[in-house]
N, C-alpha and C. Protein backbone atom coordinates (compact mmCIF):
# COMPACT_ATOMS: atom_id res chain seq x y z
N MET A 1 -34.80 36.47 12.35
CA MET A 1 -33.84 35.40 12.24
C MET A 1 -34.57 34.13 12.00
N HIS A 2 -33.98 33.31 11.08
CA HIS A 2 -34.59 32.06 10.58
C HIS A 2 -34.07 30.85 11.43
N ASP A 3 -34.98 30.09 11.99
CA ASP A 3 -34.56 28.89 12.74
C ASP A 3 -34.54 27.67 11.86
N ASP A 4 -33.36 27.02 11.69
CA ASP A 4 -33.21 25.82 10.86
C ASP A 4 -33.25 24.54 11.73
N SER A 5 -33.63 24.57 12.92
CA SER A 5 -33.63 23.40 13.76
C SER A 5 -34.91 22.58 13.61
N ILE A 6 -34.73 21.32 14.03
CA ILE A 6 -35.88 20.38 13.99
C ILE A 6 -36.12 20.02 15.42
N THR A 7 -37.36 20.08 15.79
CA THR A 7 -37.74 19.67 17.16
C THR A 7 -38.34 18.27 17.04
N ILE A 8 -37.83 17.32 17.87
CA ILE A 8 -38.26 15.96 17.76
C ILE A 8 -38.99 15.63 19.13
N ASN A 9 -40.14 15.05 18.94
CA ASN A 9 -40.91 14.61 20.14
C ASN A 9 -40.04 13.67 20.93
N PRO A 10 -39.99 13.81 22.23
CA PRO A 10 -39.15 12.96 23.14
C PRO A 10 -39.44 11.43 22.92
N ASP A 11 -40.67 11.08 22.61
CA ASP A 11 -40.98 9.68 22.40
C ASP A 11 -40.27 9.13 21.17
N TRP A 12 -40.11 10.00 20.13
CA TRP A 12 -39.39 9.60 18.93
C TRP A 12 -37.90 9.58 19.16
N THR A 13 -37.40 10.42 20.03
CA THR A 13 -35.99 10.46 20.31
C THR A 13 -35.54 9.10 20.81
N THR A 14 -36.22 8.54 21.70
CA THR A 14 -35.94 7.22 22.25
C THR A 14 -35.91 6.16 21.12
N TYR A 15 -36.97 6.23 20.32
CA TYR A 15 -37.10 5.24 19.21
C TYR A 15 -35.89 5.36 18.26
N LEU A 16 -35.60 6.60 17.84
CA LEU A 16 -34.56 6.83 16.92
C LEU A 16 -33.19 6.42 17.49
N THR A 17 -32.97 6.73 18.71
CA THR A 17 -31.72 6.31 19.35
C THR A 17 -31.56 4.82 19.49
N ASP A 18 -32.66 4.15 19.86
CA ASP A 18 -32.60 2.67 20.01
C ASP A 18 -32.51 2.00 18.69
N ASN A 19 -32.94 2.61 17.55
CA ASN A 19 -32.90 1.97 16.26
C ASN A 19 -32.02 2.64 15.24
N ALA A 20 -31.07 3.37 15.74
CA ALA A 20 -30.19 4.15 14.84
C ALA A 20 -29.44 3.27 13.78
N LYS A 21 -28.95 2.07 14.22
CA LYS A 21 -28.22 1.20 13.30
C LYS A 21 -29.17 0.70 12.19
N VAL A 22 -30.37 0.33 12.55
CA VAL A 22 -31.34 -0.22 11.58
C VAL A 22 -31.65 0.94 10.56
N LEU A 23 -31.88 2.10 11.06
CA LEU A 23 -32.23 3.28 10.18
C LEU A 23 -31.05 3.63 9.23
N LYS A 24 -29.84 3.62 9.82
CA LYS A 24 -28.61 3.87 9.04
C LYS A 24 -28.47 2.90 7.98
N ASP A 25 -28.62 1.57 8.31
CA ASP A 25 -28.44 0.49 7.28
C ASP A 25 -29.52 0.60 6.23
N PHE A 26 -30.71 0.97 6.58
CA PHE A 26 -31.80 1.15 5.64
C PHE A 26 -31.45 2.31 4.65
N CYS A 27 -30.88 3.36 5.12
CA CYS A 27 -30.49 4.48 4.27
C CYS A 27 -29.37 4.08 3.34
N TYR A 28 -28.32 3.35 3.87
CA TYR A 28 -27.22 2.99 3.07
C TYR A 28 -27.67 1.97 1.96
N ARG A 29 -28.55 1.06 2.32
CA ARG A 29 -29.06 0.05 1.34
C ARG A 29 -29.77 0.77 0.22
N ASN A 30 -30.68 1.66 0.57
CA ASN A 30 -31.38 2.38 -0.49
C ASN A 30 -30.50 3.29 -1.33
N LEU A 31 -29.53 3.88 -0.71
CA LEU A 31 -28.54 4.69 -1.43
C LEU A 31 -27.73 3.83 -2.40
N SER A 32 -27.32 2.68 -1.93
CA SER A 32 -26.52 1.81 -2.81
C SER A 32 -27.37 1.28 -3.98
N LEU A 33 -28.70 0.92 -3.71
CA LEU A 33 -29.59 0.51 -4.83
C LEU A 33 -29.79 1.67 -5.82
N PHE A 34 -29.95 2.84 -5.38
CA PHE A 34 -30.10 3.97 -6.20
C PHE A 34 -28.86 4.22 -7.06
N LEU A 35 -27.71 4.20 -6.42
CA LEU A 35 -26.45 4.40 -7.20
C LEU A 35 -26.17 3.30 -8.14
N GLN A 36 -26.34 2.07 -7.72
CA GLN A 36 -26.14 0.93 -8.64
C GLN A 36 -27.03 0.94 -9.90
N ALA A 37 -28.26 1.33 -9.64
CA ALA A 37 -29.16 1.41 -10.83
C ALA A 37 -28.75 2.51 -11.83
N ARG A 38 -28.16 3.54 -11.34
CA ARG A 38 -27.78 4.62 -12.20
C ARG A 38 -26.29 4.48 -12.70
N ASN A 39 -25.56 3.56 -12.20
CA ASN A 39 -24.16 3.31 -12.53
C ASN A 39 -23.87 1.83 -12.72
N PRO A 40 -24.55 1.24 -13.70
CA PRO A 40 -24.44 -0.26 -13.92
C PRO A 40 -23.04 -0.70 -14.25
N ASN A 41 -22.17 0.13 -14.71
CA ASN A 41 -20.79 -0.29 -15.08
C ASN A 41 -19.86 -0.15 -13.93
N VAL A 42 -20.32 0.26 -12.77
CA VAL A 42 -19.43 0.37 -11.59
C VAL A 42 -19.77 -0.83 -10.74
N PRO A 43 -18.75 -1.72 -10.61
CA PRO A 43 -19.08 -2.91 -9.79
C PRO A 43 -19.06 -2.63 -8.26
N ASP A 44 -19.85 -3.43 -7.56
CA ASP A 44 -19.81 -3.48 -6.08
C ASP A 44 -19.97 -2.17 -5.36
N ILE A 45 -20.91 -1.33 -5.77
CA ILE A 45 -21.08 -0.05 -5.14
C ILE A 45 -21.37 -0.19 -3.62
N PRO A 46 -22.21 -1.16 -3.17
CA PRO A 46 -22.47 -1.23 -1.71
C PRO A 46 -21.24 -1.32 -0.89
N ASN A 47 -20.24 -2.15 -1.32
CA ASN A 47 -19.00 -2.31 -0.54
C ASN A 47 -18.05 -1.13 -0.73
N LYS A 48 -18.30 -0.26 -1.67
CA LYS A 48 -17.50 0.96 -1.81
C LYS A 48 -18.00 2.08 -0.98
N LEU A 49 -19.30 2.04 -0.61
CA LEU A 49 -19.84 3.10 0.24
C LEU A 49 -19.20 3.09 1.63
N ILE A 50 -19.04 1.91 2.16
CA ILE A 50 -18.47 1.78 3.50
C ILE A 50 -17.28 0.86 3.41
N LYS A 51 -16.14 1.41 3.37
CA LYS A 51 -14.85 0.64 3.26
C LYS A 51 -14.43 0.26 4.69
N PRO A 52 -13.84 -0.96 4.81
CA PRO A 52 -13.31 -1.29 6.16
C PRO A 52 -12.31 -0.23 6.60
N ALA A 53 -12.23 0.00 7.89
CA ALA A 53 -11.37 0.99 8.47
C ALA A 53 -9.89 0.70 8.07
N GLU A 54 -9.51 -0.57 7.97
CA GLU A 54 -8.20 -0.87 7.63
C GLU A 54 -8.26 -2.07 6.61
N ARG A 55 -7.49 -1.94 5.50
CA ARG A 55 -7.35 -3.01 4.57
C ARG A 55 -6.49 -4.09 5.06
N LYS A 56 -6.81 -5.33 4.77
CA LYS A 56 -6.00 -6.48 5.16
C LYS A 56 -4.67 -6.47 4.46
N ASN A 57 -3.64 -6.92 5.13
CA ASN A 57 -2.39 -7.07 4.48
C ASN A 57 -2.42 -8.43 3.70
N LEU A 58 -1.53 -8.56 2.71
CA LEU A 58 -1.59 -9.72 1.84
C LEU A 58 -0.58 -10.78 2.09
N THR A 59 0.00 -10.72 3.34
CA THR A 59 1.00 -11.65 3.73
C THR A 59 0.57 -13.13 3.66
N LYS A 60 -0.67 -13.34 3.99
CA LYS A 60 -1.22 -14.77 3.95
C LYS A 60 -1.18 -15.30 2.54
N GLN A 61 -1.65 -14.48 1.54
CA GLN A 61 -1.69 -14.90 0.19
C GLN A 61 -0.25 -15.12 -0.31
N LYS A 62 0.65 -14.28 0.09
CA LYS A 62 1.98 -14.42 -0.31
C LYS A 62 2.64 -15.70 0.20
N ARG A 63 2.42 -16.00 1.45
CA ARG A 63 3.00 -17.21 2.09
C ARG A 63 2.26 -18.46 1.69
N GLU A 64 0.94 -18.42 1.61
CA GLU A 64 0.20 -19.67 1.39
C GLU A 64 -0.06 -20.02 -0.08
N TYR A 65 -0.04 -19.02 -0.91
CA TYR A 65 -0.36 -19.27 -2.34
C TYR A 65 0.80 -19.03 -3.24
N TRP A 66 1.35 -17.83 -3.24
CA TRP A 66 2.36 -17.49 -4.18
C TRP A 66 3.69 -18.17 -3.85
N LYS A 67 3.98 -18.50 -2.58
CA LYS A 67 5.24 -19.19 -2.27
C LYS A 67 5.30 -20.52 -3.00
N ASN A 68 4.18 -21.21 -3.13
CA ASN A 68 4.16 -22.48 -3.89
C ASN A 68 4.66 -22.30 -5.34
N VAL A 69 4.26 -21.17 -5.94
CA VAL A 69 4.64 -20.90 -7.31
C VAL A 69 6.16 -20.62 -7.34
N PHE A 70 6.57 -19.79 -6.43
CA PHE A 70 8.06 -19.51 -6.38
C PHE A 70 8.89 -20.75 -6.12
N ASP A 71 8.38 -21.60 -5.24
CA ASP A 71 9.09 -22.87 -4.94
C ASP A 71 9.23 -23.73 -6.20
N LYS A 72 8.23 -23.75 -7.00
CA LYS A 72 8.25 -24.59 -8.24
C LYS A 72 9.04 -23.87 -9.33
N GLU A 73 8.91 -22.59 -9.47
CA GLU A 73 9.48 -21.89 -10.63
C GLU A 73 10.81 -21.22 -10.31
N GLN A 74 11.16 -21.08 -9.02
CA GLN A 74 12.33 -20.34 -8.56
C GLN A 74 12.27 -18.85 -8.69
N SER A 75 11.77 -18.36 -9.82
CA SER A 75 11.55 -16.97 -10.00
C SER A 75 10.38 -16.71 -10.92
N ILE A 76 9.81 -15.49 -10.79
CA ILE A 76 8.68 -15.07 -11.59
C ILE A 76 8.99 -13.71 -12.19
N GLU A 77 8.67 -13.51 -13.39
CA GLU A 77 8.92 -12.26 -14.06
C GLU A 77 7.74 -11.26 -13.76
N CYS A 78 8.05 -10.09 -13.29
CA CYS A 78 7.03 -9.05 -13.03
C CYS A 78 6.40 -8.78 -14.41
N ILE A 79 5.06 -8.84 -14.42
CA ILE A 79 4.37 -8.67 -15.73
C ILE A 79 4.46 -7.21 -16.14
N PHE A 80 4.74 -6.24 -15.28
CA PHE A 80 4.82 -4.83 -15.60
C PHE A 80 6.20 -4.36 -16.00
N THR A 81 7.23 -4.90 -15.29
CA THR A 81 8.60 -4.40 -15.50
C THR A 81 9.49 -5.41 -16.07
N ALA A 82 9.10 -6.66 -16.16
CA ALA A 82 9.98 -7.78 -16.63
C ALA A 82 11.07 -8.12 -15.73
N LYS A 83 11.13 -7.52 -14.53
CA LYS A 83 12.19 -7.81 -13.55
C LYS A 83 11.99 -9.15 -12.96
N LYS A 84 13.06 -9.88 -12.76
CA LYS A 84 13.05 -11.20 -12.16
C LYS A 84 12.71 -11.07 -10.62
N LEU A 85 11.64 -11.71 -10.21
CA LEU A 85 11.24 -11.68 -8.80
C LEU A 85 11.62 -12.98 -8.18
N ILE A 86 12.24 -12.90 -6.97
CA ILE A 86 12.71 -14.10 -6.29
C ILE A 86 12.16 -14.05 -4.83
N TYR A 87 11.54 -15.14 -4.41
CA TYR A 87 10.91 -15.14 -3.13
C TYR A 87 11.84 -14.87 -1.98
N HIS A 88 12.95 -15.53 -1.87
CA HIS A 88 13.85 -15.29 -0.68
C HIS A 88 14.57 -13.97 -0.72
N GLU A 89 14.59 -13.24 -1.86
CA GLU A 89 15.15 -11.93 -1.88
C GLU A 89 14.11 -10.83 -1.49
N ASN A 90 12.84 -11.24 -1.39
CA ASN A 90 11.74 -10.38 -0.99
C ASN A 90 11.77 -9.06 -1.80
N ASN A 91 11.99 -9.17 -3.10
CA ASN A 91 12.02 -8.00 -3.91
C ASN A 91 10.71 -7.72 -4.67
N PHE A 92 9.67 -8.28 -4.10
CA PHE A 92 8.34 -8.09 -4.69
C PHE A 92 7.27 -7.94 -3.62
N GLU A 93 6.04 -7.49 -4.05
CA GLU A 93 4.91 -7.43 -3.24
C GLU A 93 3.78 -8.11 -3.95
N ILE A 94 2.81 -8.51 -3.19
CA ILE A 94 1.55 -9.07 -3.79
C ILE A 94 0.62 -7.89 -3.96
N ASP A 95 0.02 -7.75 -5.12
CA ASP A 95 -0.95 -6.62 -5.29
C ASP A 95 -2.06 -6.99 -6.21
N HIS A 96 -3.04 -6.16 -6.18
CA HIS A 96 -4.21 -6.39 -7.08
C HIS A 96 -3.87 -6.00 -8.50
N PHE A 97 -4.24 -6.87 -9.45
CA PHE A 97 -4.10 -6.53 -10.83
C PHE A 97 -5.12 -5.40 -11.19
N VAL A 98 -6.43 -5.70 -10.92
CA VAL A 98 -7.36 -4.65 -11.02
C VAL A 98 -7.48 -4.08 -9.62
N PRO A 99 -7.15 -2.75 -9.50
CA PRO A 99 -7.06 -2.16 -8.17
C PRO A 99 -8.23 -2.40 -7.24
N HIS A 100 -7.91 -2.54 -6.00
CA HIS A 100 -8.93 -2.73 -4.97
C HIS A 100 -10.01 -1.67 -5.00
N ALA A 101 -9.68 -0.50 -5.38
CA ALA A 101 -10.64 0.62 -5.42
C ALA A 101 -11.73 0.32 -6.46
N PHE A 102 -11.46 -0.53 -7.42
CA PHE A 102 -12.46 -0.87 -8.45
C PHE A 102 -13.27 -2.09 -8.10
N VAL A 103 -12.60 -3.13 -7.48
CA VAL A 103 -13.33 -4.30 -7.27
C VAL A 103 -13.78 -4.60 -5.82
N SER A 104 -13.11 -3.94 -4.88
CA SER A 104 -13.47 -4.02 -3.45
C SER A 104 -13.41 -5.48 -2.91
N HIS A 105 -12.52 -6.26 -3.38
CA HIS A 105 -12.40 -7.61 -2.88
C HIS A 105 -10.94 -7.99 -2.90
N ASP A 106 -10.61 -9.10 -2.15
CA ASP A 106 -9.33 -9.65 -2.08
C ASP A 106 -9.24 -11.08 -2.53
N LEU A 107 -9.89 -11.40 -3.64
CA LEU A 107 -9.94 -12.75 -4.17
C LEU A 107 -8.60 -13.02 -4.86
N ILE A 108 -8.10 -14.27 -4.69
CA ILE A 108 -6.75 -14.61 -5.16
C ILE A 108 -6.56 -14.46 -6.62
N TRP A 109 -7.56 -14.63 -7.41
CA TRP A 109 -7.39 -14.51 -8.84
C TRP A 109 -7.02 -13.17 -9.32
N ASN A 110 -7.16 -12.13 -8.47
CA ASN A 110 -6.83 -10.74 -8.83
C ASN A 110 -5.46 -10.34 -8.35
N PHE A 111 -4.70 -11.25 -7.64
CA PHE A 111 -3.43 -10.91 -7.09
C PHE A 111 -2.30 -11.36 -7.99
N ILE A 112 -1.23 -10.61 -8.03
CA ILE A 112 -0.01 -11.02 -8.68
C ILE A 112 1.18 -10.47 -8.00
N PRO A 113 2.32 -11.15 -8.04
CA PRO A 113 3.49 -10.59 -7.51
C PRO A 113 4.11 -9.54 -8.42
N ILE A 114 4.41 -8.39 -7.89
CA ILE A 114 4.99 -7.30 -8.76
C ILE A 114 6.19 -6.69 -8.03
N GLU A 115 6.97 -6.08 -8.84
CA GLU A 115 8.21 -5.39 -8.21
C GLU A 115 7.83 -4.37 -7.24
N LYS A 116 8.53 -4.30 -6.09
CA LYS A 116 8.17 -3.35 -5.01
C LYS A 116 8.07 -1.91 -5.51
N SER A 117 9.13 -1.47 -6.20
CA SER A 117 9.15 -0.10 -6.64
C SER A 117 7.99 0.22 -7.59
N PHE A 118 7.61 -0.69 -8.45
CA PHE A 118 6.54 -0.46 -9.35
C PHE A 118 5.21 -0.38 -8.62
N ASN A 119 5.06 -1.22 -7.57
CA ASN A 119 3.80 -1.26 -6.81
C ASN A 119 3.49 0.12 -6.29
N SER A 120 4.44 0.78 -5.72
CA SER A 120 4.21 2.16 -5.14
C SER A 120 3.88 3.17 -6.18
N SER A 121 4.36 2.99 -7.39
CA SER A 121 4.14 3.97 -8.48
C SER A 121 2.84 3.76 -9.22
N LYS A 122 2.25 2.54 -9.19
CA LYS A 122 1.07 2.23 -9.95
C LYS A 122 -0.21 2.72 -9.27
N SER A 123 -0.20 2.91 -7.97
CA SER A 123 -1.32 3.42 -7.23
C SER A 123 -2.59 2.65 -7.58
N ASP A 124 -3.70 3.40 -7.78
CA ASP A 124 -4.99 2.72 -8.05
C ASP A 124 -5.37 2.89 -9.51
N ARG A 125 -4.40 2.99 -10.40
CA ARG A 125 -4.60 3.08 -11.80
C ARG A 125 -4.86 1.67 -12.38
N LEU A 126 -5.84 1.62 -13.36
CA LEU A 126 -6.06 0.36 -14.04
C LEU A 126 -4.89 0.09 -14.94
N PRO A 127 -4.46 -1.15 -15.09
CA PRO A 127 -3.47 -1.55 -16.03
C PRO A 127 -3.96 -1.43 -17.43
N ILE A 128 -3.05 -1.25 -18.39
CA ILE A 128 -3.41 -1.20 -19.83
C ILE A 128 -3.66 -2.68 -20.19
N MET A 129 -4.97 -2.95 -20.42
CA MET A 129 -5.38 -4.31 -20.60
C MET A 129 -4.74 -5.01 -21.78
N ASN A 130 -4.73 -4.30 -22.93
CA ASN A 130 -4.15 -4.94 -24.15
C ASN A 130 -2.64 -5.13 -24.09
N LYS A 131 -1.99 -4.49 -23.09
CA LYS A 131 -0.58 -4.69 -22.88
C LYS A 131 -0.27 -5.73 -21.89
N TYR A 132 -1.06 -5.82 -20.84
CA TYR A 132 -0.74 -6.67 -19.69
C TYR A 132 -1.60 -7.85 -19.45
N PHE A 133 -2.79 -7.89 -20.03
CA PHE A 133 -3.74 -8.94 -19.65
C PHE A 133 -3.23 -10.36 -20.00
N ASP A 134 -2.64 -10.55 -21.16
CA ASP A 134 -2.21 -11.89 -21.49
C ASP A 134 -1.06 -12.42 -20.49
N LYS A 135 -0.18 -11.51 -20.11
CA LYS A 135 0.84 -11.87 -19.14
C LYS A 135 0.17 -12.18 -17.78
N PHE A 136 -0.82 -11.38 -17.41
CA PHE A 136 -1.57 -11.62 -16.19
C PHE A 136 -2.20 -12.98 -16.18
N TYR A 137 -2.96 -13.24 -17.25
CA TYR A 137 -3.60 -14.55 -17.43
C TYR A 137 -2.63 -15.70 -17.37
N ASP A 138 -1.55 -15.62 -18.13
CA ASP A 138 -0.57 -16.71 -18.12
C ASP A 138 0.02 -16.97 -16.73
N LEU A 139 0.30 -15.91 -15.94
CA LEU A 139 0.79 -16.06 -14.62
C LEU A 139 -0.27 -16.65 -13.71
N GLN A 140 -1.50 -16.21 -13.82
CA GLN A 140 -2.60 -16.70 -13.01
C GLN A 140 -2.79 -18.24 -13.33
N LYS A 141 -2.80 -18.61 -14.64
CA LYS A 141 -2.99 -19.97 -15.00
C LYS A 141 -1.87 -20.84 -14.38
N LEU A 142 -0.66 -20.38 -14.47
CA LEU A 142 0.48 -21.14 -13.89
C LEU A 142 0.35 -21.27 -12.40
N ALA A 143 -0.02 -20.19 -11.68
CA ALA A 143 -0.15 -20.20 -10.21
C ALA A 143 -1.35 -21.13 -9.86
N PHE A 144 -2.46 -21.06 -10.59
CA PHE A 144 -3.62 -21.93 -10.38
C PHE A 144 -3.28 -23.37 -10.48
N ASP A 145 -2.60 -23.74 -11.57
CA ASP A 145 -2.28 -25.16 -11.79
C ASP A 145 -1.30 -25.68 -10.73
N ILE A 146 -0.31 -24.88 -10.37
CA ILE A 146 0.63 -25.28 -9.31
C ILE A 146 -0.11 -25.50 -8.00
N ASN A 147 -0.88 -24.56 -7.61
CA ASN A 147 -1.59 -24.63 -6.33
C ASN A 147 -2.64 -25.69 -6.29
N ARG A 148 -3.34 -25.89 -7.43
CA ARG A 148 -4.35 -26.99 -7.52
C ARG A 148 -3.70 -28.35 -7.34
N SER A 149 -2.46 -28.50 -7.88
CA SER A 149 -1.82 -29.77 -7.77
C SER A 149 -1.34 -30.03 -6.36
N ILE A 150 -1.01 -28.95 -5.61
CA ILE A 150 -0.57 -29.06 -4.27
C ILE A 150 -1.74 -29.24 -3.27
N HIS A 151 -2.71 -28.35 -3.39
CA HIS A 151 -3.87 -28.27 -2.45
C HIS A 151 -5.14 -28.14 -3.27
N PRO A 152 -5.64 -29.20 -3.81
CA PRO A 152 -6.82 -29.15 -4.73
C PRO A 152 -8.08 -28.71 -4.03
N SER A 153 -8.17 -28.80 -2.72
CA SER A 153 -9.40 -28.34 -2.10
C SER A 153 -9.22 -27.07 -1.23
N SER A 154 -8.18 -26.38 -1.54
CA SER A 154 -7.90 -25.10 -0.83
C SER A 154 -9.00 -24.07 -1.00
N ASN A 155 -9.22 -23.25 -0.04
CA ASN A 155 -10.22 -22.17 -0.18
C ASN A 155 -9.82 -21.29 -1.39
N TYR A 156 -8.53 -21.11 -1.64
CA TYR A 156 -8.11 -20.30 -2.73
C TYR A 156 -8.62 -20.86 -4.06
N MET A 157 -8.69 -22.17 -4.20
CA MET A 157 -9.18 -22.73 -5.42
C MET A 157 -10.65 -22.39 -5.62
N GLU A 158 -11.44 -22.31 -4.50
CA GLU A 158 -12.80 -21.94 -4.59
C GLU A 158 -13.04 -20.54 -5.01
N GLU A 159 -12.05 -19.67 -4.77
CA GLU A 159 -12.21 -18.21 -5.12
C GLU A 159 -12.15 -18.11 -6.65
N PHE A 160 -11.58 -19.07 -7.36
CA PHE A 160 -11.56 -18.97 -8.78
C PHE A 160 -12.88 -19.40 -9.40
N LEU A 161 -13.75 -20.09 -8.63
CA LEU A 161 -15.08 -20.59 -9.16
C LEU A 161 -15.90 -19.43 -9.71
N SER A 162 -15.92 -18.33 -9.01
CA SER A 162 -16.76 -17.23 -9.43
C SER A 162 -16.31 -16.75 -10.78
N ILE A 163 -15.06 -16.64 -11.04
CA ILE A 163 -14.60 -16.16 -12.38
C ILE A 163 -14.76 -17.23 -13.43
N PHE A 164 -14.45 -18.49 -13.11
CA PHE A 164 -14.55 -19.55 -14.07
C PHE A 164 -16.02 -19.79 -14.47
N LEU A 165 -16.91 -19.77 -13.46
CA LEU A 165 -18.32 -19.95 -13.75
C LEU A 165 -18.86 -18.82 -14.59
N THR A 166 -18.40 -17.54 -14.29
CA THR A 166 -18.79 -16.44 -15.10
C THR A 166 -18.31 -16.58 -16.56
N SER A 167 -17.03 -16.98 -16.70
CA SER A 167 -16.48 -17.15 -18.07
C SER A 167 -17.26 -18.23 -18.78
N LYS A 168 -17.63 -19.34 -18.05
CA LYS A 168 -18.33 -20.43 -18.67
C LYS A 168 -19.72 -19.93 -19.16
N LYS A 169 -20.40 -19.08 -18.36
CA LYS A 169 -21.64 -18.59 -18.77
C LYS A 169 -21.53 -17.68 -19.98
N ILE A 170 -20.47 -16.83 -19.98
CA ILE A 170 -20.27 -16.00 -21.10
C ILE A 170 -20.05 -16.83 -22.36
N LEU A 171 -19.18 -17.86 -22.24
CA LEU A 171 -18.89 -18.70 -23.37
C LEU A 171 -20.16 -19.40 -23.85
N GLN A 172 -20.98 -19.93 -22.93
CA GLN A 172 -22.25 -20.59 -23.32
C GLN A 172 -23.13 -19.62 -24.07
N LYS A 173 -23.22 -18.41 -23.52
CA LYS A 173 -24.08 -17.42 -24.17
C LYS A 173 -23.59 -17.09 -25.57
N LYS A 174 -22.25 -16.93 -25.64
CA LYS A 174 -21.64 -16.68 -26.98
C LYS A 174 -21.90 -17.73 -27.98
N ASN A 175 -21.76 -19.01 -27.48
CA ASN A 175 -21.96 -20.19 -28.35
C ASN A 175 -23.44 -20.26 -28.76
N SER A 176 -24.36 -19.93 -27.87
CA SER A 176 -25.80 -20.03 -28.21
C SER A 176 -26.12 -18.88 -29.21
N GLU A 177 -25.45 -17.73 -29.03
CA GLU A 177 -25.68 -16.65 -30.05
C GLU A 177 -25.11 -17.07 -31.41
N ILE A 178 -23.99 -17.76 -31.39
CA ILE A 178 -23.42 -18.20 -32.68
C ILE A 178 -24.38 -19.22 -33.36
N ALA A 179 -24.85 -20.16 -32.49
CA ALA A 179 -25.76 -21.14 -33.07
C ALA A 179 -27.04 -20.49 -33.61
N PHE A 180 -27.56 -19.50 -32.86
CA PHE A 180 -28.72 -18.82 -33.22
C PHE A 180 -28.58 -18.03 -34.57
N ASN A 181 -27.40 -17.41 -34.71
CA ASN A 181 -27.13 -16.59 -35.82
C ASN A 181 -26.85 -17.38 -37.14
N HIS A 182 -26.59 -18.65 -36.99
CA HIS A 182 -26.27 -19.40 -38.24
C HIS A 182 -27.37 -20.18 -38.76
């Protein structure tokens, strides 16, 4: 009979028990570095390895950010179904444009109000970008402008910095490539 057990010296047992969290974190960090290096097109692998036990609900974003847009516009058209969404009828939900499973964050720039029935059917599928991105962008721009005029220093406005700074860097790089190529 073959014995597959490992015998650990009792002195090591105490050390391993006392430092289990540090050792586990070390293993997860190295695993995430390994996976990220081999999957450069998959964003945020470290946060995908260990998901929070429970995802946050989006009531705060609905009440604090999107309500301002509804108050100003009265209604918003669902970018996926073209159905008229009205705040006081509660016929919509706030959801991620790029699914949470892909981005692993709850930044406001990725949220949009969508029809309740469509939300349950879309699941974690990516939207068809060439069909929906322009509508997404236009709605985000409208929401950003309305909220910036109401609360210019809101934390939500800061969440847009990461995407705006990234777009600015991309544009600068593109412009420098254009200047270099001419």
